[in-house]
Amino acid sequence: MMLRQIVHIDFADFSEAMPCFVTILMMPFTASISEGIVLGMLAYVIVKVCTGRYREITAMMYILAVFFVLKYIAPLL
C-alpha cells in the first residue's frame, strides 16, 4: 500500500531519488519506520549539500539533521 507512492518520485533527479531510496530501504532493514524516516532525512540533507543545492534546504532541516546526527553519535561518547 505504501509502495504505490513510488511512481510520484522524480527519479531523474538524483538528489530527490537517493533519499527516497534510503528511506524505503532502511525501513525494513532497521525494522522501524521512524529510523527509516530519520535516515532518509539525513540522506536528503547530505545529498543536497554534497550536490551544491544547499539553498533548497530550510533552516529547520539543518537543525533536525544536527539533532539526528547527535542521536547516533551520543551513545558512542
C-alpha atoms as a PDB file:
ATOM      1  CA  MET A   1       0.000   0.000   0.000  1.00  0.00           C
ATOM      2  CA  MET A   2       2.823   2.390   0.830  1.00  0.00           C
ATOM      3  CA  LEU A   3       4.751   1.461  -2.308  1.00  0.00           C
ATOM      4  CA  ARG A   4       2.089   2.928  -4.622  1.00  0.00           C
ATOM      5  CA  GLN A   5       3.520   6.388  -3.976  1.00  0.00           C
ATOM      6  CA  ILE A   6       6.866   5.489  -5.561  1.00  0.00           C
ATOM      7  CA  VAL A   7       5.549   6.482  -9.003  1.00  0.00           C
ATOM      8  CA  HIS A   8       5.481  10.117  -7.823  1.00  0.00           C
ATOM      9  CA  ILE A   9       9.233  10.228  -7.093  1.00  0.00           C
ATOM     10  CA  ASP A  10      11.345  12.134  -9.620  1.00  0.00           C
ATOM     11  CA  PHE A  11      13.992   9.507 -10.398  1.00  0.00           C
ATOM     12  CA  ALA A  12      15.642  11.793 -12.941  1.00  0.00           C
ATOM     13  CA  ASP A  13      16.877  13.996 -10.076  1.00  0.00           C
ATOM     14  CA  PHE A  14      19.474  12.108  -8.015  1.00  0.00           C
ATOM     15  CA  SER A  15      19.186  14.492  -5.062  1.00  0.00           C
ATOM     16  CA  GLU A  16      15.487  13.653  -4.746  1.00  0.00           C
ATOM     17  CA  ALA A  17      15.590   9.944  -5.578  1.00  0.00           C
ATOM     18  CA  MET A  18      18.506   8.884  -3.350  1.00  0.00           C
ATOM     19  CA  PRO A  19      16.948   9.964  -0.012  1.00  0.00           C
ATOM     20  CA  CYS A  20      13.687   8.266  -1.007  1.00  0.00           C
ATOM     21  CA  PHE A  21      15.573   5.087  -1.823  1.00  0.00           C
ATOM     22  CA  VAL A  22      17.401   5.240   1.518  1.00  0.00           C
ATOM     23  CA  THR A  23      14.116   5.709   3.376  1.00  0.00           C
ATOM     24  CA  ILE A  24      12.404   2.853   1.556  1.00  0.00           C
ATOM     25  CA  LEU A  25      15.390   0.563   2.030  1.00  0.00           C
ATOM     26  CA  MET A  26      16.103   1.329   5.688  1.00  0.00           C
ATOM     27  CA  MET A  27      12.556   0.889   6.989  1.00  0.00           C
ATOM     28  CA  PRO A  28      12.614  -2.919   6.675  1.00  0.00           C
ATOM     29  CA  PHE A  29      16.343  -3.249   7.454  1.00  0.00           C
ATOM     30  CA  THR A  30      16.063  -1.381  10.747  1.00  0.00           C
ATOM     31  CA  ALA A  31      12.582  -2.812  11.492  1.00  0.00           C
ATOM     32  CA  SER A  32      11.464   0.705  12.369  1.00  0.00           C
ATOM     33  CA  ILE A  33       9.548   3.214  10.296  1.00  0.00           C
ATOM     34  CA  SER A  34      10.869   6.110  12.373  1.00  0.00           C
ATOM     35  CA  GLU A  35      14.515   5.069  11.907  1.00  0.00           C
ATOM     36  CA  GLY A  36      13.950   4.805   8.152  1.00  0.00           C
ATOM     37  CA  ILE A  37      12.497   8.309   8.062  1.00  0.00           C
ATOM     38  CA  VAL A  38      15.361   9.712  10.157  1.00  0.00           C
ATOM     39  CA  LEU A  39      17.990   8.138   7.907  1.00  0.00           C
ATOM     40  CA  GLY A  40      16.119   9.367   4.832  1.00  0.00           C
ATOM     41  CA  MET A  41      16.059  12.915   6.194  1.00  0.00           C
ATOM     42  CA  LEU A  42      19.784  12.736   6.934  1.00  0.00           C
ATOM     43  CA  ALA A  43      20.415  11.428   3.429  1.00  0.00           C
ATOM     44  CA  TYR A  44      18.341  14.295   1.998  1.00  0.00           C
ATOM     45  CA  VAL A  45      20.420  16.944   3.759  1.00  0.00           C
ATOM     46  CA  ILE A  46      23.741  15.249   2.979  1.00  0.00           C
ATOM     47  CA  VAL A  47      22.933  14.732  -0.711  1.00  0.00           C
ATOM     48  CA  LYS A  48      21.653  18.290  -1.171  1.00  0.00           C
ATOM     49  CA  VAL A  49      24.760  19.753   0.487  1.00  0.00           C
ATOM     50  CA  CYS A  50      27.139  17.496  -1.461  1.00  0.00           C
ATOM     51  CA  THR A  51      25.487  18.340  -4.789  1.00  0.00           C
ATOM     52  CA  GLY A  52      25.722  22.080  -4.091  1.00  0.00           C
ATOM     53  CA  ARG A  53      21.967  22.551  -3.738  1.00  0.00           C
ATOM     54  CA  TYR A  54      22.160  23.518  -0.074  1.00  0.00           C
ATOM     55  CA  ARG A  55      19.942  26.588  -0.608  1.00  0.00           C
ATOM     56  CA  GLU A  56      16.956  24.279  -1.160  1.00  0.00           C
ATOM     57  CA  ILE A  57      17.141  23.091   2.446  1.00  0.00           C
ATOM     58  CA  THR A  58      15.315  25.034   5.130  1.00  0.00           C
ATOM     59  CA  ALA A  59      16.921  26.038   8.406  1.00  0.00           C
ATOM     60  CA  MET A  60      14.689  23.578  10.257  1.00  0.00           C
ATOM     61  CA  MET A  61      16.057  20.685   8.185  1.00  0.00           C
ATOM     62  CA  TYR A  62      19.620  21.669   9.135  1.00  0.00           C
ATOM     63  CA  ILE A  63      18.620  21.807  12.813  1.00  0.00           C
ATOM     64  CA  LEU A  64      16.912  18.421  12.616  1.00  0.00           C
ATOM     65  CA  ALA A  65      19.913  16.940  10.825  1.00  0.00           C
ATOM     66  CA  VAL A  66      22.206  18.086  13.641  1.00  0.00           C
ATOM     67  CA  PHE A  67      19.906  16.522  16.256  1.00  0.00           C
ATOM     68  CA  PHE A  68      19.682  13.275  14.280  1.00  0.00           C
ATOM     69  CA  VAL A  69      23.456  13.066  13.934  1.00  0.00           C
ATOM     70  CA  LEU A  70      23.773  13.686  17.687  1.00  0.00           C
ATOM     71  CA  LYS A  71      21.236  10.901  18.263  1.00  0.00           C
ATOM     72  CA  TYR A  72      23.570   8.434  16.581  1.00  0.00           C
ATOM     73  CA  ILE A  73      26.816   9.861  17.989  1.00  0.00           C
ATOM     74  CA  ALA A  74      25.708  10.279  21.642  1.00  0.00           C
ATOM     75  CA  PRO A  75      25.814   6.550  22.535  1.00  0.00           C
ATOM     76  CA  LEU A  76      29.409   6.407  21.321  1.00  0.00           C
ATOM     77  CA  LEU A  77      30.600   9.157  23.673  1.00  0.00           C
END
